[in-house]
Amino acid sequence: MPTHPCPNARWLAQSVSLIEADYQRSADTHLIALTLPALAECGIDLYLKDESTHPTGSLKHRLARSLFLYALCNGWLHEHSTVVEASSGSTAVSEAYFARLLGLPFVAVMPRSTSAEKIAQIEFYGGRCHFVEQASDVYPAAQAVASDANGHYMDQFTYAERATDWRGNNNIAESMFTQMARERHPVPRWIVVGAGTGGTSATIGRYVRYQRHATQVCVPDPEGSVFGAYHQSGDATLTARGSSIEGIGRPRVEASFIRTLVDRMIEVPNTESIAAMRALTALLGRKVGPSTGTNLVGMLTLAQEMRQQQQQGSILSLLCDAGERYLPTYHDETWVESRIGNCAAAQQRVQGLLNA
């Protein structure tokens, strides 16, 4: 557990107030109903909660806010802290935003392969990037950077699942159910959410149980991630090569991924994540990121199963971030061919699921 001098009470109060004031200035994110007539005729409705509209452009804005408040109220941050995080990009962008809000220096430890757009956003908010070669190197490197700077390692992969009040208090799960209240099927049969830290799936899983909803939680996991094997076996020592879909999937089992809160895992081939990202981009008329494509594959897989079993209901997932962050990478055909592979067959499968 981090050990730091107790923060100045006045500075602590001001810092919490700054974060809460920033939250009050933000409206909630939109809920998008996907127009898929073939499914709607069968009584199956799909929705995406658009987390790209946060000030820092992704779902991780919520996580960063919670992590900062958690660290502040635990006495782990003080007015001279350097904030350090291990992140592939989006969490670091959001944490850089909050560090600047509090006037604290910020260092993001990330793989060198992180998109240039995310690096530029971190630097825009005053953060500094420290690069490592492999995704598995971010953890010890972040600890070392924090130690050298006498700073605080936020450690999203440990604290994400406990930093948010899962019983309510305007968390993402409460927002989802409030926005669904007037829909045809207001209580989703499934909520589909990818896992990087596992914090969001944990919050949603706990909330639906606490509220006694019949909703189940599905995590679509990109190939190469360890979470699917861990969910099946319970062996926390497992490792894997890691994910090629930025922001989700991990090479090791993270402390914040609580397998008992996940009802279903679906392994998603990388080519299908890209194919679904492209299909959703065409459907919405604006670009989305690759992890949203992974989510869509999970949604469509569940919808097909529901249709075959003559079940009705709603499926709700997240639009995690905007695709503009990935223009030179996941939205570039040449880059995808060299890093992911040919997606032609996957595009046919995804289109088949959309039209089924």
Protein backbone atom coordinates (compact mmCIF):
# COMPACT_ATOMS: atom_id res chain seq x y z
CA MET A 1 0.00 0.00 0.00
CA PRO A 2 1.33 3.47 -0.83
CA THR A 3 2.82 5.46 2.03
CA HIS A 4 2.96 9.23 1.69
CA PRO A 5 2.87 12.24 4.01
CA CYS A 6 -0.67 13.18 5.00
CA PRO A 7 -1.97 15.80 2.57
CA ASN A 8 -2.61 19.32 3.75
CA ALA A 9 -6.28 19.38 4.82
CA ARG A 10 -6.97 22.60 2.97
CA TRP A 11 -5.34 21.38 -0.22
CA LEU A 12 -7.22 18.08 0.03
CA ALA A 13 -10.58 19.85 0.41
CA GLN A 14 -9.82 22.14 -2.52
CA SER A 15 -8.76 19.20 -4.71
CA VAL A 16 -11.91 17.19 -4.03
CA SER A 17 -13.99 20.32 -4.69
CA LEU A 18 -12.25 20.92 -8.02
CA ILE A 19 -12.98 17.38 -9.19
CA GLU A 20 -16.60 17.50 -8.02
CA ALA A 21 -17.11 20.89 -9.70
CA ASP A 22 -15.71 19.46 -12.94
CA TYR A 23 -18.17 16.58 -12.67
CA GLN A 24 -21.08 18.96 -12.16
CA ARG A 25 -20.16 20.75 -15.39
CA SER A 26 -20.49 17.52 -17.37
CA ALA A 27 -23.82 16.27 -18.66
CA ASP A 28 -24.37 12.52 -18.77
CA THR A 29 -23.38 10.64 -21.91
CA HIS A 30 -25.98 9.74 -24.54
CA LEU A 31 -27.65 6.39 -25.06
CA ILE A 32 -27.79 5.45 -28.75
CA ALA A 33 -30.42 3.05 -30.07
CA LEU A 34 -28.95 1.02 -32.94
CA THR A 35 -31.33 0.74 -35.87
CA LEU A 36 -31.28 -2.94 -36.85
CA PRO A 37 -34.74 -3.73 -38.31
CA ALA A 38 -34.26 -7.51 -38.60
CA LEU A 39 -33.54 -7.79 -34.87
CA ALA A 40 -36.13 -5.20 -33.83
CA GLU A 41 -38.86 -7.21 -35.61
CA CYS A 42 -37.90 -10.16 -33.39
CA GLY A 43 -38.20 -8.03 -30.25
CA ILE A 44 -34.44 -7.56 -29.75
CA ASP A 45 -33.14 -4.02 -29.23
CA LEU A 46 -29.47 -2.96 -29.13
CA TYR A 47 -28.08 0.14 -27.44
CA LEU A 48 -24.71 1.82 -27.01
CA LYS A 49 -23.88 4.27 -24.24
CA ASP A 50 -21.64 6.84 -25.91
CA GLU A 51 -18.67 7.38 -23.59
CA SER A 52 -16.71 9.23 -26.28
CA THR A 53 -18.43 12.49 -25.28
CA HIS A 54 -16.58 12.86 -21.96
CA PRO A 55 -14.15 15.83 -21.77
CA THR A 56 -11.20 13.49 -22.39
CA GLY A 57 -13.03 11.46 -25.02
CA SER A 58 -13.44 8.01 -23.53
CA LEU A 59 -14.96 5.75 -20.90
CA LYS A 60 -11.73 6.13 -18.89
CA HIS A 61 -12.73 9.64 -17.84
CA ARG A 62 -15.05 8.05 -15.27
CA LEU A 63 -12.30 5.74 -14.04
CA ALA A 64 -9.73 8.52 -13.75
CA ARG A 65 -12.13 10.67 -11.73
CA SER A 66 -12.83 7.77 -9.36
CA LEU A 67 -9.13 6.89 -9.00
CA PHE A 68 -8.20 10.46 -8.15
CA LEU A 69 -10.96 10.79 -5.56
CA TYR A 70 -10.02 7.40 -4.10
CA ALA A 71 -6.34 8.33 -3.85
CA LEU A 72 -7.13 11.77 -2.41
CA CYS A 73 -9.51 10.47 0.25
CA ASN A 74 -7.06 7.69 1.18
CA GLY A 75 -4.35 10.29 1.74
CA TRP A 76 -2.15 8.91 -1.06
CA LEU A 77 -1.88 12.21 -2.96
CA HIS A 78 -0.56 15.50 -1.61
CA GLU A 79 0.21 18.89 -3.12
CA HIS A 80 3.74 17.88 -4.15
CA SER A 81 2.89 14.45 -5.62
CA THR A 82 3.96 13.28 -9.05
CA VAL A 83 1.15 11.09 -10.38
CA VAL A 84 2.25 7.99 -12.30
CA GLU A 85 0.10 5.49 -14.20
CA ALA A 86 0.64 2.36 -16.28
CA SER A 87 -1.65 2.80 -19.27
CA SER A 88 -1.96 2.03 -22.96
CA GLY A 89 -3.41 5.46 -23.54
CA SER A 90 -6.99 6.35 -22.68
CA THR A 91 -6.67 6.11 -18.90
CA ALA A 92 -3.47 8.13 -19.10
CA VAL A 93 -5.20 10.82 -21.18
CA SER A 94 -7.93 11.14 -18.57
CA GLU A 95 -5.55 11.05 -15.60
CA ALA A 96 -3.38 13.72 -17.22
CA TYR A 97 -6.50 15.89 -17.41
CA PHE A 98 -7.23 15.51 -13.70
CA ALA A 99 -3.59 15.92 -12.70
CA ARG A 100 -3.52 19.23 -14.56
CA LEU A 101 -6.76 20.22 -12.86
CA LEU A 102 -5.02 19.75 -9.48
CA GLY A 103 -1.71 21.26 -10.62
CA LEU A 104 0.20 17.97 -10.27
CA PRO A 105 2.84 16.58 -12.67
CA PHE A 106 1.85 13.39 -14.45
CA VAL A 107 3.84 10.56 -16.05
CA ALA A 108 2.24 7.87 -18.23
CA VAL A 109 4.12 4.58 -18.56
CA MET A 110 3.00 2.89 -21.76
CA PRO A 111 4.06 0.56 -24.58
CA ARG A 112 5.95 2.29 -27.36
CA SER A 113 3.27 1.06 -29.79
CA THR A 114 0.59 3.34 -28.27
CA SER A 115 -1.09 5.50 -30.91
CA ALA A 116 0.48 8.88 -31.61
CA GLU A 117 -2.90 10.56 -31.12
CA LYS A 118 -3.15 9.36 -27.52
CA ILE A 119 0.43 10.39 -26.81
CA ALA A 120 -0.33 13.87 -28.18
CA GLN A 121 -3.42 14.12 -25.97
CA ILE A 122 -1.46 13.18 -22.85
CA GLU A 123 1.12 15.82 -23.67
CA PHE A 124 -1.65 18.35 -24.43
CA TYR A 125 -2.79 18.01 -20.81
CA GLY A 126 0.76 18.52 -19.58
CA GLY A 127 1.66 14.86 -19.05
CA ARG A 128 4.94 13.17 -19.87
CA CYS A 129 5.23 9.76 -21.53
CA HIS A 130 7.69 7.07 -20.42
CA PHE A 131 7.85 4.22 -22.95
CA VAL A 132 8.54 0.51 -22.52
CA GLU A 133 8.91 -2.12 -25.23
CA GLN A 134 6.44 -4.75 -24.00
CA ALA A 135 2.98 -4.36 -22.44
CA SER A 136 4.06 -6.56 -19.52
CA ASP A 137 6.85 -4.10 -18.68
CA VAL A 138 4.51 -1.25 -17.72
CA TYR A 139 3.94 -2.44 -14.14
CA PRO A 140 7.50 -2.52 -12.77
CA ALA A 141 8.42 0.54 -14.83
CA ALA A 142 5.56 2.57 -13.37
CA GLN A 143 6.52 1.54 -9.85
CA ALA A 144 10.14 2.54 -10.53
CA VAL A 145 9.18 5.92 -12.02
CA ALA A 146 6.94 6.67 -9.03
CA SER A 147 9.67 5.64 -6.59
CA ASP A 148 12.31 7.77 -8.33
CA ALA A 149 10.00 10.80 -8.31
CA ASN A 150 8.79 10.19 -4.74
CA GLY A 151 5.37 10.12 -6.33
CA HIS A 152 2.24 8.00 -6.34
CA TYR A 153 1.55 5.08 -8.72
CA MET A 154 -2.22 5.15 -9.28
CA ASP A 155 -2.28 1.46 -10.37
CA GLN A 156 -5.58 1.31 -12.24
CA PHE A 157 -5.22 -2.45 -12.64
CA THR A 158 -5.50 -2.96 -8.88
CA TYR A 159 -7.82 -0.17 -7.77
CA ALA A 160 -10.30 0.21 -10.65
CA GLU A 161 -12.79 -2.28 -9.21
CA ARG A 162 -12.94 -0.64 -5.79
CA ALA A 163 -12.61 3.08 -6.57
CA THR A 164 -16.22 3.44 -7.79
CA ASP A 165 -19.25 3.14 -5.51
CA TRP A 166 -21.07 0.27 -7.22
CA ARG A 167 -24.32 0.75 -5.25
CA GLY A 168 -25.20 3.93 -7.11
CA ASN A 169 -23.92 7.49 -6.66
CA ASN A 170 -24.15 8.29 -10.38
CA ASN A 171 -21.93 5.42 -11.51
CA ILE A 172 -22.15 4.16 -15.08
CA ALA A 173 -24.49 1.28 -14.20
CA GLU A 174 -27.02 3.54 -12.49
CA SER A 175 -26.88 5.89 -15.47
CA MET A 176 -27.51 3.00 -17.88
CA PHE A 177 -30.64 1.81 -16.10
CA THR A 178 -31.99 5.34 -15.67
CA GLN A 179 -31.62 6.01 -19.40
CA MET A 180 -33.21 2.67 -20.31
CA ALA A 181 -36.30 3.30 -18.14
CA ARG A 182 -38.65 4.27 -21.01
CA GLU A 183 -37.42 1.77 -23.59
CA ARG A 184 -39.38 -1.25 -24.82
CA HIS A 185 -37.26 -3.59 -22.68
CA PRO A 186 -36.04 -1.31 -19.86
CA VAL A 187 -34.07 -3.96 -17.96
CA PRO A 188 -31.39 -5.31 -20.33
CA ARG A 189 -31.09 -9.03 -20.74
CA TRP A 190 -27.36 -8.49 -21.29
CA ILE A 191 -24.84 -5.75 -20.65
CA VAL A 192 -21.76 -6.24 -22.80
CA VAL A 193 -18.50 -4.59 -21.74
CA GLY A 194 -14.87 -5.26 -22.57
CA ALA A 195 -12.26 -5.54 -19.85
CA GLY A 196 -8.91 -3.81 -19.55
CA THR A 197 -8.71 -3.26 -15.84
CA GLY A 198 -12.03 -5.01 -15.18
CA GLY A 199 -13.31 -2.03 -13.19
CA THR A 200 -16.36 -1.37 -15.36
CA SER A 201 -17.50 -5.00 -15.48
CA ALA A 202 -17.08 -5.17 -11.71
CA THR A 203 -19.14 -2.02 -11.11
CA ILE A 204 -21.93 -3.19 -13.43
CA GLY A 205 -21.88 -6.75 -12.10
CA ARG A 206 -22.19 -5.62 -8.49
CA TYR A 207 -24.84 -3.03 -9.30
CA VAL A 208 -27.20 -5.44 -11.09
CA ARG A 209 -26.97 -7.89 -8.19
CA TYR A 210 -27.48 -5.18 -5.58
CA GLN A 211 -30.53 -3.88 -7.48
CA ARG A 212 -31.76 -7.46 -8.03
CA HIS A 213 -31.99 -7.09 -11.81
CA ALA A 214 -32.14 -10.15 -14.04
CA THR A 215 -29.44 -8.62 -16.27
CA GLN A 216 -26.36 -10.70 -17.05
CA VAL A 217 -22.87 -9.35 -17.77
CA CYS A 218 -20.90 -10.50 -20.80
CA VAL A 219 -17.25 -9.63 -21.46
CA PRO A 220 -16.17 -9.99 -25.10
CA ASP A 221 -12.43 -10.58 -24.87
CA PRO A 222 -10.01 -10.04 -27.77
CA GLU A 223 -7.82 -12.94 -28.84
CA GLY A 224 -4.48 -13.00 -27.05
CA SER A 225 -5.99 -11.81 -23.76
CA VAL A 226 -5.68 -13.93 -20.62
CA PHE A 227 -9.07 -13.06 -19.14
CA GLY A 228 -11.10 -15.73 -20.96
CA ALA A 229 -8.87 -18.58 -19.79
CA TYR A 230 -8.81 -17.14 -16.27
CA HIS A 231 -12.60 -16.83 -16.20
CA GLN A 232 -12.89 -20.52 -17.05
CA SER A 233 -10.13 -21.88 -14.81
CA GLY A 234 -9.80 -19.44 -11.93
CA ASP A 235 -6.01 -19.72 -12.19
CA ALA A 236 -4.68 -16.23 -11.47
CA THR A 237 -1.12 -17.24 -12.42
CA LEU A 238 -2.02 -17.61 -16.11
CA THR A 239 -0.36 -15.37 -18.68
CA ALA A 240 -0.89 -14.78 -22.40
CA ARG A 241 0.73 -12.89 -25.24
CA GLY A 242 -1.61 -9.91 -24.76
CA SER A 243 -4.21 -8.21 -26.89
CA SER A 244 -3.85 -6.47 -30.26
CA ILE A 245 -6.98 -4.41 -29.55
CA GLU A 246 -5.85 -1.29 -27.73
CA GLY A 247 -7.42 -0.66 -24.34
CA ILE A 248 -8.87 -4.11 -23.61
CA GLY A 249 -7.47 -7.56 -22.89
CA ARG A 250 -4.33 -8.13 -20.83
CA PRO A 251 -1.28 -10.43 -20.84
CA ARG A 252 -1.68 -11.18 -17.13
CA VAL A 253 -4.62 -11.51 -14.72
CA GLU A 254 -5.31 -8.09 -13.21
CA ALA A 255 -6.46 -7.70 -9.62
CA SER A 256 -9.41 -5.55 -10.69
CA PHE A 257 -10.90 -8.24 -12.96
CA ILE A 258 -13.40 -10.07 -10.75
CA ARG A 259 -14.33 -13.24 -12.62
CA THR A 260 -17.30 -14.09 -10.38
CA LEU A 261 -19.06 -10.90 -11.54
CA VAL A 262 -18.94 -11.96 -15.20
CA ASP A 263 -21.63 -14.36 -16.42
CA ARG A 264 -20.26 -14.98 -19.92
CA MET A 265 -17.03 -14.49 -21.86
CA ILE A 266 -16.82 -14.47 -25.67
CA GLU A 267 -13.43 -14.64 -27.38
CA VAL A 268 -13.42 -12.27 -30.35
CA PRO A 269 -10.92 -12.65 -33.21
CA ASN A 270 -9.01 -9.45 -33.92
CA THR A 271 -10.23 -9.38 -37.51
CA GLU A 272 -13.84 -9.42 -36.29
CA SER A 273 -13.17 -6.53 -33.90
CA ILE A 274 -11.89 -4.48 -36.84
CA ALA A 275 -14.72 -5.60 -39.11
CA ALA A 276 -17.33 -4.64 -36.51
CA MET A 277 -15.59 -1.31 -35.89
CA ARG A 278 -15.89 -0.56 -39.61
CA ALA A 279 -19.51 -1.72 -39.79
CA LEU A 280 -20.52 0.42 -36.82
CA THR A 281 -18.65 3.39 -38.27
CA ALA A 282 -20.76 3.04 -41.42
CA LEU A 283 -23.98 2.54 -39.42
CA LEU A 284 -23.46 5.61 -37.20
CA GLY A 285 -21.81 7.85 -39.77
CA ARG A 286 -18.83 8.54 -37.49
CA LYS A 287 -15.72 6.64 -36.55
CA VAL A 288 -15.48 4.47 -33.44
CA GLY A 289 -12.51 2.73 -31.83
CA PRO A 290 -11.55 -0.96 -32.09
CA SER A 291 -12.68 -1.94 -28.57
CA THR A 292 -16.18 -0.77 -29.49
CA GLY A 293 -15.97 -3.18 -32.42
CA THR A 294 -15.16 -5.97 -29.96
CA ASN A 295 -18.22 -4.99 -27.94
CA LEU A 296 -20.43 -5.04 -31.05
CA VAL A 297 -19.33 -8.59 -31.94
CA GLY A 298 -20.34 -9.67 -28.44
CA MET A 299 -23.72 -7.95 -28.77
CA LEU A 300 -24.46 -9.47 -32.16
CA THR A 301 -23.43 -12.95 -31.00
CA LEU A 302 -25.83 -12.75 -28.07
CA ALA A 303 -28.59 -11.29 -30.25
CA GLN A 304 -28.28 -14.20 -32.68
CA GLU A 305 -28.54 -16.68 -29.81
CA MET A 306 -31.60 -14.87 -28.44
CA ARG A 307 -33.24 -14.96 -31.85
CA GLN A 308 -32.58 -18.68 -32.28
CA GLN A 309 -34.09 -19.31 -28.84
CA GLN A 310 -37.05 -17.00 -29.61
CA GLN A 311 -36.16 -14.69 -26.75
CA GLN A 312 -36.89 -10.97 -26.63
CA GLY A 313 -35.12 -8.23 -24.74
CA SER A 314 -32.47 -5.55 -24.91
CA ILE A 315 -28.69 -5.70 -25.11
CA LEU A 316 -26.68 -2.71 -23.91
CA SER A 317 -23.01 -1.95 -24.41
CA LEU A 318 -20.53 0.94 -24.60
CA LEU A 319 -19.15 3.11 -27.36
CA CYS A 320 -15.80 3.37 -25.61
CA ASP A 321 -14.05 6.15 -27.54
CA ALA A 322 -13.96 7.98 -30.86
CA GLY A 323 -12.22 6.51 -33.86
CA GLU A 324 -10.26 9.66 -34.64
CA ARG A 325 -7.65 8.48 -32.15
CA TYR A 326 -6.94 5.53 -34.43
CA LEU A 327 -6.83 7.09 -37.91
CA PRO A 328 -3.20 6.07 -38.62
CA THR A 329 -3.66 2.63 -37.07
CA TYR A 330 -6.92 0.68 -36.82
CA HIS A 331 -8.64 2.86 -39.43
CA ASP A 332 -5.74 2.54 -41.87
CA GLU A 333 -6.06 -0.42 -44.23
CA THR A 334 -2.32 -0.89 -44.72
CA TRP A 335 -1.64 -0.84 -40.98
CA VAL A 336 -4.44 -3.34 -40.32
CA GLU A 337 -3.20 -5.70 -43.03
CA SER A 338 0.30 -5.72 -41.54
CA ARG A 339 -0.66 -5.89 -37.84
CA ILE A 340 -4.04 -7.64 -37.74
CA GLY A 341 -4.48 -9.39 -41.07
CA ASN A 342 -7.02 -9.54 -43.86
CA CYS A 343 -10.51 -8.77 -42.56
CA ALA A 344 -12.58 -9.68 -45.64
CA ALA A 345 -14.01 -12.93 -44.21
CA ALA A 346 -14.66 -11.29 -40.85
CA GLN A 347 -16.52 -8.44 -42.55
CA GLN A 348 -18.80 -10.96 -44.23
CA ARG A 349 -19.52 -12.65 -40.89
CA VAL A 350 -20.21 -9.37 -39.10
CA GLN A 351 -22.43 -8.14 -41.91
CA GLY A 352 -24.30 -11.45 -41.76
CA LEU A 353 -24.90 -10.95 -38.05
CA LEU A 354 -26.12 -7.39 -38.65
CA ASN A 355 -28.57 -8.55 -41.32
CA ALA A 356 -29.68 -11.78 -39.60
